[in-house]
Amino acid sequence: MSSGLAIETAGLGKRYGRTWALRDCSLAVPAGHVVGLVGANGAGKTTLLSLAVGLARATTGQVRVAGGRPAGSSAALDAVAFVAQEAALYRNLSVADMLRMGRAMNRCWDADRAQNRLKELGIPLAKKVGALSGGQRSQVALTLALAKRPELLVLDEPLAALDPVARHDFMSALMTAVSEDGISVVFSSHVVAELERVCDYVVVVHGGQIQVCGEVEELVAGHHVLTGPAEQADSVTQRFPVVRDRRTAAQAHLLVRTAAAEAALPGWQRHPVGLEELVLAYMREPSASALPGPKPLHGEQAVHE
């Protein structure tokens, strides 16, 4: 796999009993991006992240991370840090004890950075984790992850249990780390509005498969809302791939994939679309045509349990 990729999968699938949580997932996420992974509950987000960080084993296909390291390998574990929705913190231990545990469990560990970061946040090392606020616990979890000096940071719903102030503080801290360390970040979130502020790459998952993915700037530029006479809508839908089709008796509003340079349609107006509107449209229209995905890797065999 290419060394310039944060995560790459080919034909990746995970089955629990007779149910496929993820299937035929092929994805190539370039390194150096802040990636938002979005989808409805049960779409396969957590399964994809669990496979990427080595917490689950694929039923089919392959996944490699941080420049081509096999997920779950010792090399990948050194290069990847993971923060789950329910941070793996022991409530009866002090913050200092958590730092000592992190140092014992990781071959690469920056103790000074971890302590200095917590000091800047005003989080006492002697305080027990259970006595911290939700926002403080999330910051401790992020500190433990960053102390590994990872190449790839993976976060599964890190904002779910936080209030608006704690959520803002967490994302600010995350973006500071990205700026200082140049790490790749992949995080899943139900807070779609956060994506536009922090993400420059987005992946939408539906039904265990990748529905659409790409750089935010390119995705937004490649979609427009066309508004025009309803009686002409069918001819327009035959010309452009349609993501969302909304019509009244007189007027149609079509969210389509189209280049900005394409010729204007007589009687139709073209409007730009924001990332939040675009992502929600794909989530609400699971049958919408997905963008072309990456080609499967050549010469690689599927891995079966």
C-alpha atoms as a PDB file:
ATOM      1  CA  MET A   1       0.000   0.000   0.000  1.00  0.00           C
ATOM      2  CA  SER A   2       1.031   3.566  -0.575  1.00  0.00           C
ATOM      3  CA  SER A   3       3.082   5.230   2.157  1.00  0.00           C
ATOM      4  CA  GLY A   4       0.991   8.384   1.668  1.00  0.00           C
ATOM      5  CA  LEU A   5      -2.193   6.867   3.071  1.00  0.00           C
ATOM      6  CA  ALA A   6      -3.556   7.107   6.595  1.00  0.00           C
ATOM      7  CA  ILE A   7      -6.023   4.258   6.063  1.00  0.00           C
ATOM      8  CA  GLU A   8      -6.446   1.964   3.071  1.00  0.00           C
ATOM      9  CA  THR A   9      -8.890  -0.911   2.774  1.00  0.00           C
ATOM     10  CA  ALA A  10      -9.696  -3.332  -0.017  1.00  0.00           C
ATOM     11  CA  GLY A  11     -12.798  -5.541  -0.016  1.00  0.00           C
ATOM     12  CA  LEU A  12     -12.964  -5.142   3.747  1.00  0.00           C
ATOM     13  CA  GLY A  13     -15.828  -6.904   5.492  1.00  0.00           C
ATOM     14  CA  LYS A  14     -16.839  -7.851   9.011  1.00  0.00           C
ATOM     15  CA  ARG A  15     -19.633 -10.294   9.807  1.00  0.00           C
ATOM     16  CA  TYR A  16     -21.193 -10.959  13.199  1.00  0.00           C
ATOM     17  CA  GLY A  17     -23.098 -14.214  12.897  1.00  0.00           C
ATOM     18  CA  ARG A  18     -25.251 -13.815   9.793  1.00  0.00           C
ATOM     19  CA  THR A  19     -25.158 -10.017   9.845  1.00  0.00           C
ATOM     20  CA  TRP A  20     -22.591  -8.014   7.891  1.00  0.00           C
ATOM     21  CA  ALA A  21     -21.644  -4.887   9.833  1.00  0.00           C
ATOM     22  CA  LEU A  22     -19.267  -3.876   7.043  1.00  0.00           C
ATOM     23  CA  ARG A  23     -19.013  -5.271   3.538  1.00  0.00           C
ATOM     24  CA  ASP A  24     -16.987  -4.677   0.364  1.00  0.00           C
ATOM     25  CA  CYS A  25     -15.417  -1.583   1.890  1.00  0.00           C
ATOM     26  CA  SER A  26     -12.680  -0.129  -0.308  1.00  0.00           C
ATOM     27  CA  LEU A  27     -11.230   3.147   0.868  1.00  0.00           C
ATOM     28  CA  ALA A  28      -8.031   5.162   0.452  1.00  0.00           C
ATOM     29  CA  VAL A  29      -7.654   8.097   2.837  1.00  0.00           C
ATOM     30  CA  PRO A  30      -4.581  10.268   2.194  1.00  0.00           C
ATOM     31  CA  ALA A  31      -2.336  11.067   5.141  1.00  0.00           C
ATOM     32  CA  GLY A  32      -2.238  14.537   6.597  1.00  0.00           C
ATOM     33  CA  HIS A  33      -5.995  15.069   6.687  1.00  0.00           C
ATOM     34  CA  VAL A  34      -8.607  15.526   9.384  1.00  0.00           C
ATOM     35  CA  VAL A  35     -11.217  13.014   8.287  1.00  0.00           C
ATOM     36  CA  GLY A  36     -14.844  13.038   9.374  1.00  0.00           C
ATOM     37  CA  LEU A  37     -16.532   9.620   9.310  1.00  0.00           C
ATOM     38  CA  VAL A  38     -20.301  10.000   9.327  1.00  0.00           C
ATOM     39  CA  GLY A  39     -23.331   7.773   8.994  1.00  0.00           C
ATOM     40  CA  ALA A  40     -26.492   6.753  10.802  1.00  0.00           C
ATOM     41  CA  ASN A  41     -26.447   4.451  13.826  1.00  0.00           C
ATOM     42  CA  GLY A  42     -25.523   0.965  12.677  1.00  0.00           C
ATOM     43  CA  ALA A  43     -23.975   2.204   9.429  1.00  0.00           C
ATOM     44  CA  GLY A  44     -20.641   0.516  10.176  1.00  0.00           C
ATOM     45  CA  LYS A  45     -18.548   3.430  11.465  1.00  0.00           C
ATOM     46  CA  THR A  46     -17.423   1.824  14.720  1.00  0.00           C
ATOM     47  CA  THR A  47     -16.757  -1.480  12.973  1.00  0.00           C
ATOM     48  CA  LEU A  48     -14.540   0.232  10.405  1.00  0.00           C
ATOM     49  CA  LEU A  49     -12.591   2.053  13.109  1.00  0.00           C
ATOM     50  CA  SER A  50     -12.279  -1.104  15.233  1.00  0.00           C
ATOM     51  CA  LEU A  51     -10.777  -2.940  12.278  1.00  0.00           C
ATOM     52  CA  ALA A  52      -8.423  -0.054  11.537  1.00  0.00           C
ATOM     53  CA  VAL A  53      -7.006   0.062  15.070  1.00  0.00           C
ATOM     54  CA  GLY A  54      -6.749  -3.720  15.420  1.00  0.00           C
ATOM     55  CA  LEU A  55      -9.554  -4.277  17.923  1.00  0.00           C
ATOM     56  CA  ALA A  56     -11.409  -6.565  15.514  1.00  0.00           C
ATOM     57  CA  ARG A  57     -10.367  -9.041  12.843  1.00  0.00           C
ATOM     58  CA  ALA A  58     -11.697  -8.779   9.311  1.00  0.00           C
ATOM     59  CA  THR A  59     -13.918 -11.492   7.879  1.00  0.00           C
ATOM     60  CA  THR A  60     -12.819 -10.556   4.368  1.00  0.00           C
ATOM     61  CA  GLY A  61     -10.373  -8.131   2.836  1.00  0.00           C
ATOM     62  CA  GLN A  62      -7.514  -6.105   4.215  1.00  0.00           C
ATOM     63  CA  VAL A  63      -6.901  -2.883   6.078  1.00  0.00           C
ATOM     64  CA  ARG A  64      -3.611  -1.086   6.550  1.00  0.00           C
ATOM     65  CA  VAL A  65      -2.850   2.111   8.365  1.00  0.00           C
ATOM     66  CA  ALA A  66      -0.216   4.810   8.810  1.00  0.00           C
ATOM     67  CA  GLY A  67       1.682   4.273   5.591  1.00  0.00           C
ATOM     68  CA  GLY A  68       0.934   0.625   4.899  1.00  0.00           C
ATOM     69  CA  ARG A  69       1.258  -1.096   8.265  1.00  0.00           C
ATOM     70  CA  PRO A  70      -1.115  -4.081   8.666  1.00  0.00           C
ATOM     71  CA  ALA A  71      -3.828  -3.104  11.159  1.00  0.00           C
ATOM     72  CA  GLY A  72      -3.231  -4.691  14.542  1.00  0.00           C
ATOM     73  CA  SER A  73       0.456  -5.391  13.913  1.00  0.00           C
ATOM     74  CA  SER A  74       3.038  -4.207  16.443  1.00  0.00           C
ATOM     75  CA  ALA A  75       4.203  -1.559  13.995  1.00  0.00           C
ATOM     76  CA  ALA A  76       0.645  -0.291  13.557  1.00  0.00           C
ATOM     77  CA  LEU A  77      -0.015  -0.278  17.308  1.00  0.00           C
ATOM     78  CA  ASP A  78       3.019   1.964  17.770  1.00  0.00           C
ATOM     79  CA  ALA A  79       1.860   4.363  15.061  1.00  0.00           C
ATOM     80  CA  VAL A  80      -1.866   4.563  15.878  1.00  0.00           C
ATOM     81  CA  ALA A  81      -3.620   6.046  18.899  1.00  0.00           C
ATOM     82  CA  PHE A  82      -7.284   5.383  19.602  1.00  0.00           C
ATOM     83  CA  VAL A  83      -9.838   7.177  21.744  1.00  0.00           C
ATOM     84  CA  ALA A  84     -13.156   5.353  22.096  1.00  0.00           C
ATOM     85  CA  GLN A  85     -16.503   6.957  22.871  1.00  0.00           C
ATOM     86  CA  GLU A  86     -16.256   5.543  26.386  1.00  0.00           C
ATOM     87  CA  ALA A  87     -12.651   6.440  27.106  1.00  0.00           C
ATOM     88  CA  ALA A  88     -10.716   3.545  28.632  1.00  0.00           C
ATOM     89  CA  LEU A  89      -9.986   5.340  31.879  1.00  0.00           C
ATOM     90  CA  TYR A  90     -10.033   3.737  35.318  1.00  0.00           C
ATOM     91  CA  ARG A  91     -12.213   5.929  37.529  1.00  0.00           C
ATOM     92  CA  ASN A  92     -10.539   4.805  40.780  1.00  0.00           C
ATOM     93  CA  LEU A  93      -7.053   5.700  39.567  1.00  0.00           C
ATOM     94  CA  SER A  94      -5.540   9.147  39.728  1.00  0.00           C
ATOM     95  CA  VAL A  95      -4.608  11.049  36.574  1.00  0.00           C
ATOM     96  CA  ALA A  96      -0.941  10.451  37.444  1.00  0.00           C
ATOM     97  CA  ASP A  97      -1.615   6.707  37.672  1.00  0.00           C
ATOM     98  CA  MET A  98      -3.173   6.801  34.202  1.00  0.00           C
ATOM     99  CA  LEU A  99      -0.052   8.495  32.859  1.00  0.00           C
ATOM    100  CA  ARG A 100       2.162   5.855  34.461  1.00  0.00           C
ATOM    101  CA  MET A 101      -0.007   3.130  32.943  1.00  0.00           C
ATOM    102  CA  GLY A 102       0.264   4.771  29.528  1.00  0.00           C
ATOM    103  CA  ARG A 103       4.036   4.923  29.820  1.00  0.00           C
ATOM    104  CA  ALA A 104       4.190   1.228  30.755  1.00  0.00           C
ATOM    105  CA  MET A 105       1.969   0.135  27.859  1.00  0.00           C
ATOM    106  CA  ASN A 106       3.584   2.107  25.023  1.00  0.00           C
ATOM    107  CA  ARG A 107       7.086   1.835  23.611  1.00  0.00           C
ATOM    108  CA  CYS A 108       6.974   5.465  22.539  1.00  0.00           C
ATOM    109  CA  TRP A 109       5.881   7.859  25.283  1.00  0.00           C
ATOM    110  CA  ASP A 110       6.379  11.579  25.843  1.00  0.00           C
ATOM    111  CA  ALA A 111       5.843  11.964  29.589  1.00  0.00           C
ATOM    112  CA  ASP A 112       6.837  15.640  29.679  1.00  0.00           C
ATOM    113  CA  ARG A 113       4.356  16.532  26.994  1.00  0.00           C
ATOM    114  CA  ALA A 114       1.520  14.710  28.748  1.00  0.00           C
ATOM    115  CA  GLN A 115       2.187  16.353  32.101  1.00  0.00           C
ATOM    116  CA  ASN A 116       2.654  19.820  30.608  1.00  0.00           C
ATOM    117  CA  ARG A 117      -0.539  19.523  28.611  1.00  0.00           C
ATOM    118  CA  LEU A 118      -2.600  18.540  31.644  1.00  0.00           C
ATOM    119  CA  LYS A 119      -1.020  21.346  33.645  1.00  0.00           C
ATOM    120  CA  GLU A 120      -2.004  23.865  30.965  1.00  0.00           C
ATOM    121  CA  LEU A 121      -5.561  22.512  31.111  1.00  0.00           C
ATOM    122  CA  GLY A 122      -5.660  22.832  34.884  1.00  0.00           C
ATOM    123  CA  ILE A 123      -6.271  19.111  35.455  1.00  0.00           C
ATOM    124  CA  PRO A 124      -4.607  18.011  38.744  1.00  0.00           C
ATOM    125  CA  LEU A 125      -2.495  14.875  38.443  1.00  0.00           C
ATOM    126  CA  ALA A 126      -3.456  13.780  41.950  1.00  0.00           C
ATOM    127  CA  LYS A 127      -7.188  13.881  41.270  1.00  0.00           C
ATOM    128  CA  LYS A 128      -9.024  10.618  40.647  1.00  0.00           C
ATOM    129  CA  VAL A 129     -10.421  10.148  37.171  1.00  0.00           C
ATOM    130  CA  GLY A 130     -13.915   9.537  38.556  1.00  0.00           C
ATOM    131  CA  ALA A 131     -13.899  12.972  40.159  1.00  0.00           C
ATOM    132  CA  LEU A 132     -13.232  14.764  36.870  1.00  0.00           C
ATOM    133  CA  SER A 133     -15.885  16.347  34.697  1.00  0.00           C
ATOM    134  CA  GLY A 134     -16.796  14.746  31.392  1.00  0.00           C
ATOM    135  CA  GLY A 135     -14.812  17.368  29.526  1.00  0.00           C
ATOM    136  CA  GLN A 136     -11.756  16.822  31.718  1.00  0.00           C
ATOM    137  CA  ARG A 137     -11.929  13.045  31.234  1.00  0.00           C
ATOM    138  CA  SER A 138     -12.050  13.520  27.471  1.00  0.00           C
ATOM    139  CA  GLN A 139      -8.977  15.741  27.688  1.00  0.00           C
ATOM    140  CA  VAL A 140      -7.136  13.119  29.742  1.00  0.00           C
ATOM    141  CA  ALA A 141      -8.001  10.486  27.130  1.00  0.00           C
ATOM    142  CA  LEU A 142      -6.769  12.769  24.351  1.00  0.00           C
ATOM    143  CA  THR A 143      -3.583  13.490  26.308  1.00  0.00           C
ATOM    144  CA  LEU A 144      -2.877   9.770  26.700  1.00  0.00           C
ATOM    145  CA  ALA A 145      -3.346   9.300  22.967  1.00  0.00           C
ATOM    146  CA  LEU A 146      -1.127  12.231  21.984  1.00  0.00           C
ATOM    147  CA  ALA A 147       1.631  11.182  24.403  1.00  0.00           C
ATOM    148  CA  LYS A 148       2.238   8.206  22.101  1.00  0.00           C
ATOM    149  CA  ARG A 149       3.316  10.666  19.383  1.00  0.00           C
ATOM    150  CA  PRO A 150       1.136   8.773  16.872  1.00  0.00           C
ATOM    151  CA  GLU A 151       1.104   9.167  13.121  1.00  0.00           C
ATOM    152  CA  LEU A 152      -2.630   8.444  13.048  1.00  0.00           C
ATOM    153  CA  LEU A 153      -5.170   9.399  15.698  1.00  0.00           C
ATOM    154  CA  VAL A 154      -8.523   7.591  15.577  1.00  0.00           C
ATOM    155  CA  LEU A 155     -11.484   8.811  17.624  1.00  0.00           C
ATOM    156  CA  ASP A 156     -14.864   7.099  17.836  1.00  0.00           C
ATOM    157  CA  GLU A 157     -17.649   9.563  18.755  1.00  0.00           C
ATOM    158  CA  PRO A 158     -15.394  11.656  21.007  1.00  0.00           C
ATOM    159  CA  LEU A 159     -17.992  14.432  21.316  1.00  0.00           C
ATOM    160  CA  ALA A 160     -21.060  12.333  22.079  1.00  0.00           C
ATOM    161  CA  ALA A 161     -21.159  12.831  25.864  1.00  0.00           C
ATOM    162  CA  LEU A 162     -19.803  16.380  26.002  1.00  0.00           C
ATOM    163  CA  ASP A 163     -21.634  19.637  26.544  1.00  0.00           C
ATOM    164  CA  PRO A 164     -21.144  22.435  23.956  1.00  0.00           C
ATOM    165  CA  VAL A 165     -18.305  24.131  25.872  1.00  0.00           C
ATOM    166  CA  ALA A 166     -16.408  20.875  26.461  1.00  0.00           C
ATOM    167  CA  ARG A 167     -17.004  19.890  22.841  1.00  0.00           C
ATOM    168  CA  HIS A 168     -15.529  23.166  21.618  1.00  0.00           C
ATOM    169  CA  ASP A 169     -12.524  22.845  23.945  1.00  0.00           C
ATOM    170  CA  PHE A 170     -11.886  19.265  22.842  1.00  0.00           C
ATOM    171  CA  MET A 171     -11.960  20.133  19.140  1.00  0.00           C
ATOM    172  CA  SER A 172      -9.729  23.169  19.704  1.00  0.00           C
ATOM    173  CA  ALA A 173      -7.195  20.972  21.493  1.00  0.00           C
ATOM    174  CA  LEU A 174      -7.397  18.397  18.727  1.00  0.00           C
ATOM    175  CA  MET A 175      -6.769  20.967  15.996  1.00  0.00           C
ATOM    176  CA  THR A 176      -3.828  22.395  17.940  1.00  0.00           C
ATOM    177  CA  ALA A 177      -2.285  18.925  18.070  1.00  0.00           C
ATOM    178  CA  VAL A 178      -2.853  18.463  14.342  1.00  0.00           C
ATOM    179  CA  SER A 179      -1.140  21.775  13.653  1.00  0.00           C
ATOM    180  CA  GLU A 180       1.818  21.061  15.941  1.00  0.00           C
ATOM    181  CA  ASP A 181       2.401  17.392  15.084  1.00  0.00           C
ATOM    182  CA  GLY A 182       1.102  17.108  11.519  1.00  0.00           C
ATOM    183  CA  ILE A 183      -0.727  13.891  12.382  1.00  0.00           C
ATOM    184  CA  SER A 184      -3.584  12.318  10.454  1.00  0.00           C
ATOM    185  CA  VAL A 185      -6.927  12.198  12.271  1.00  0.00           C
ATOM    186  CA  VAL A 186     -10.002  10.087  11.604  1.00  0.00           C
ATOM    187  CA  PHE A 187     -13.011  10.651  13.828  1.00  0.00           C
ATOM    188  CA  SER A 188     -16.613   9.559  13.697  1.00  0.00           C
ATOM    189  CA  SER A 189     -19.304  11.940  14.863  1.00  0.00           C
ATOM    190  CA  HIS A 190     -23.040  12.482  14.773  1.00  0.00           C
ATOM    191  CA  VAL A 191     -22.476  16.231  15.067  1.00  0.00           C
ATOM    192  CA  VAL A 192     -22.449  16.936  11.353  1.00  0.00           C
ATOM    193  CA  ALA A 193     -22.085  20.686  11.908  1.00  0.00           C
ATOM    194  CA  GLU A 194     -18.630  20.081  13.409  1.00  0.00           C
ATOM    195  CA  LEU A 195     -17.349  18.658  10.138  1.00  0.00           C
ATOM    196  CA  GLU A 196     -17.406  21.918   8.230  1.00  0.00           C
ATOM    197  CA  ARG A 197     -15.311  23.611  10.901  1.00  0.00           C
ATOM    198  CA  VAL A 198     -12.552  21.049  11.331  1.00  0.00           C
ATOM    199  CA  CYS A 199     -12.554  18.419   8.566  1.00  0.00           C
ATOM    200  CA  ASP A 200     -10.895  18.649   5.180  1.00  0.00           C
ATOM    201  CA  TYR A 201     -11.867  15.093   4.158  1.00  0.00           C
ATOM    202  CA  VAL A 202     -15.161  13.280   4.688  1.00  0.00           C
ATOM    203  CA  VAL A 203     -16.359   9.671   4.432  1.00  0.00           C
ATOM    204  CA  VAL A 204     -20.067   8.811   4.490  1.00  0.00           C
ATOM    205  CA  VAL A 205     -20.958   5.229   5.420  1.00  0.00           C
ATOM    206  CA  HIS A 206     -24.344   3.605   4.848  1.00  0.00           C
ATOM    207  CA  GLY A 207     -25.394   0.008   5.291  1.00  0.00           C
ATOM    208  CA  GLY A 208     -21.848  -1.148   5.956  1.00  0.00           C
ATOM    209  CA  GLN A 209     -20.484   0.326   2.734  1.00  0.00           C
ATOM    210  CA  ILE A 210     -18.773   3.555   1.684  1.00  0.00           C
ATOM    211  CA  GLN A 211     -21.363   5.785   0.054  1.00  0.00           C
ATOM    212  CA  VAL A 212     -19.235   8.819  -0.752  1.00  0.00           C
ATOM    213  CA  CYS A 213     -15.777  10.076   0.210  1.00  0.00           C
ATOM    214  CA  GLY A 214     -13.317  12.736  -0.768  1.00  0.00           C
ATOM    215  CA  GLU A 215     -11.713  16.051   0.061  1.00  0.00           C
ATOM    216  CA  VAL A 216     -14.275  18.524   1.374  1.00  0.00           C
ATOM    217  CA  GLU A 217     -13.330  21.262  -1.060  1.00  0.00           C
ATOM    218  CA  GLU A 218     -13.678  18.957  -4.059  1.00  0.00           C
ATOM    219  CA  LEU A 219     -16.938  17.400  -2.878  1.00  0.00           C
ATOM    220  CA  VAL A 220     -18.564  20.768  -2.240  1.00  0.00           C
ATOM    221  CA  ALA A 221     -17.347  22.148  -5.571  1.00  0.00           C
ATOM    222  CA  GLY A 222     -18.669  19.067  -7.365  1.00  0.00           C
ATOM    223  CA  HIS A 223     -22.255  19.396  -6.122  1.00  0.00           C
ATOM    224  CA  HIS A 224     -24.888  22.038  -6.785  1.00  0.00           C
ATOM    225  CA  VAL A 225     -28.582  22.594  -6.232  1.00  0.00           C
ATOM    226  CA  LEU A 226     -30.448  23.217  -9.480  1.00  0.00           C
ATOM    227  CA  THR A 227     -33.805  25.002  -9.222  1.00  0.00           C
ATOM    228  CA  GLY A 228     -36.180  25.189 -12.166  1.00  0.00           C
ATOM    229  CA  PRO A 229     -39.516  24.200 -13.723  1.00  0.00           C
ATOM    230  CA  ALA A 230     -40.858  20.882 -12.456  1.00  0.00           C
ATOM    231  CA  GLU A 231     -41.941  19.820 -15.945  1.00  0.00           C
ATOM    232  CA  GLN A 232     -38.297  19.896 -17.072  1.00  0.00           C
ATOM    233  CA  ALA A 233     -36.914  18.012 -14.062  1.00  0.00           C
ATOM    234  CA  ASP A 234     -36.892  14.591 -15.690  1.00  0.00           C
ATOM    235  CA  SER A 235     -34.674  15.807 -18.525  1.00  0.00           C
ATOM    236  CA  VAL A 236     -32.265  17.297 -15.989  1.00  0.00           C
ATOM    237  CA  THR A 237     -32.092  14.102 -13.920  1.00  0.00           C
ATOM    238  CA  GLN A 238     -31.134  12.218 -17.061  1.00  0.00           C
ATOM    239  CA  ARG A 239     -28.204  14.577 -17.565  1.00  0.00           C
ATOM    240  CA  PHE A 240     -26.719  14.668 -14.045  1.00  0.00           C
ATOM    241  CA  PRO A 241     -26.340  12.134 -11.212  1.00  0.00           C
ATOM    242  CA  VAL A 242     -28.989  13.119  -8.661  1.00  0.00           C
ATOM    243  CA  VAL A 243     -28.430  12.935  -4.909  1.00  0.00           C
ATOM    244  CA  ARG A 244     -31.711  14.540  -3.807  1.00  0.00           C
ATOM    245  CA  ASP A 245     -34.872  15.228  -5.808  1.00  0.00           C
ATOM    246  CA  ARG A 246     -37.479  17.556  -4.311  1.00  0.00           C
ATOM    247  CA  ARG A 247     -40.417  18.758  -6.416  1.00  0.00           C
ATOM    248  CA  THR A 248     -43.608  20.747  -6.049  1.00  0.00           C
ATOM    249  CA  ALA A 249     -46.272  21.144  -8.703  1.00  0.00           C
ATOM    250  CA  ALA A 250     -44.398  24.069 -10.243  1.00  0.00           C
ATOM    251  CA  GLN A 251     -40.766  23.862  -9.208  1.00  0.00           C
ATOM    252  CA  ALA A 252     -38.010  21.298  -8.708  1.00  0.00           C
ATOM    253  CA  HIS A 253     -34.973  21.463  -6.430  1.00  0.00           C
ATOM    254  CA  LEU A 254     -32.335  18.949  -7.475  1.00  0.00           C
ATOM    255  CA  LEU A 255     -29.070  18.336  -5.636  1.00  0.00           C
ATOM    256  CA  VAL A 256     -26.794  16.959  -8.316  1.00  0.00           C
ATOM    257  CA  ARG A 257     -23.169  16.129  -8.952  1.00  0.00           C
ATOM    258  CA  THR A 258     -21.976  18.575 -11.543  1.00  0.00           C
ATOM    259  CA  ALA A 259     -18.851  20.588 -12.258  1.00  0.00           C
ATOM    260  CA  ALA A 260     -19.193  24.337 -11.803  1.00  0.00           C
ATOM    261  CA  ALA A 261     -17.903  24.902 -15.336  1.00  0.00           C
ATOM    262  CA  GLU A 262     -20.717  22.921 -16.986  1.00  0.00           C
ATOM    263  CA  ALA A 263     -23.038  24.953 -19.153  1.00  0.00           C
ATOM    264  CA  ALA A 264     -25.998  26.575 -17.414  1.00  0.00           C
ATOM    265  CA  LEU A 265     -29.428  25.177 -18.181  1.00  0.00           C
ATOM    266  CA  PRO A 266     -31.938  27.656 -19.670  1.00  0.00           C
ATOM    267  CA  GLY A 267     -34.557  28.512 -17.067  1.00  0.00           C
ATOM    268  CA  TRP A 268     -32.613  26.880 -14.223  1.00  0.00           C
ATOM    269  CA  GLN A 269     -30.664  28.465 -11.385  1.00  0.00           C
ATOM    270  CA  ARG A 270     -27.517  26.937  -9.912  1.00  0.00           C
ATOM    271  CA  HIS A 271     -26.819  27.298  -6.176  1.00  0.00           C
ATOM    272  CA  PRO A 272     -23.775  26.221  -4.147  1.00  0.00           C
ATOM    273  CA  VAL A 273     -24.175  23.617  -1.428  1.00  0.00           C
ATOM    274  CA  GLY A 274     -22.538  23.511   2.018  1.00  0.00           C
ATOM    275  CA  LEU A 275     -20.864  20.444   3.483  1.00  0.00           C
ATOM    276  CA  GLU A 276     -23.516  19.870   6.149  1.00  0.00           C
ATOM    277  CA  GLU A 277     -26.328  19.998   3.595  1.00  0.00           C
ATOM    278  CA  LEU A 278     -24.392  17.679   1.294  1.00  0.00           C
ATOM    279  CA  VAL A 279     -23.613  15.085   3.970  1.00  0.00           C
ATOM    280  CA  LEU A 280     -27.181  15.083   5.293  1.00  0.00           C
ATOM    281  CA  ALA A 281     -28.511  14.663   1.763  1.00  0.00           C
ATOM    282  CA  TYR A 282     -26.442  11.525   1.250  1.00  0.00           C
ATOM    283  CA  MET A 283     -27.427  10.187   4.672  1.00  0.00           C
ATOM    284  CA  ARG A 284     -31.128  10.749   3.960  1.00  0.00           C
ATOM    285  CA  GLU A 285     -30.939   9.316   0.446  1.00  0.00           C
ATOM    286  CA  PRO A 286     -29.103   6.008   0.847  1.00  0.00           C
ATOM    287  CA  SER A 287     -29.937   5.016  -2.725  1.00  0.00           C
ATOM    288  CA  ALA A 288     -28.115   8.066  -4.112  1.00  0.00           C
ATOM    289  CA  SER A 289     -25.292   7.262  -6.484  1.00  0.00           C
ATOM    290  CA  ALA A 290     -21.971   7.124  -4.677  1.00  0.00           C
ATOM    291  CA  LEU A 291     -18.834   8.659  -6.060  1.00  0.00           C
ATOM    292  CA  PRO A 292     -16.354   6.233  -7.633  1.00  0.00           C
ATOM    293  CA  GLY A 293     -14.258   4.549  -4.967  1.00  0.00           C
ATOM    294  CA  PRO A 294     -10.630   3.449  -5.092  1.00  0.00           C
ATOM    295  CA  LYS A 295      -9.690   0.482  -7.214  1.00  0.00           C
ATOM    296  CA  PRO A 296      -9.126  -2.787  -5.331  1.00  0.00           C
ATOM    297  CA  LEU A 297      -5.509  -3.572  -4.545  1.00  0.00           C
ATOM    298  CA  HIS A 298      -3.861  -5.862  -7.055  1.00  0.00           C
ATOM    299  CA  GLY A 299      -2.185  -9.053  -5.975  1.00  0.00           C
ATOM    300  CA  GLU A 300      -3.771  -9.097  -2.508  1.00  0.00           C
ATOM    301  CA  GLN A 301      -5.819 -12.030  -1.297  1.00  0.00           C
ATOM    302  CA  ALA A 302      -8.852 -11.764   0.941  1.00  0.00           C
ATOM    303  CA  VAL A 303      -8.366 -12.725   4.562  1.00  0.00           C
ATOM    304  CA  HIS A 304     -10.995 -15.101   5.950  1.00  0.00           C
ATOM    305  CA  GLU A 305     -11.651 -16.110   9.490  1.00  0.00           C
END
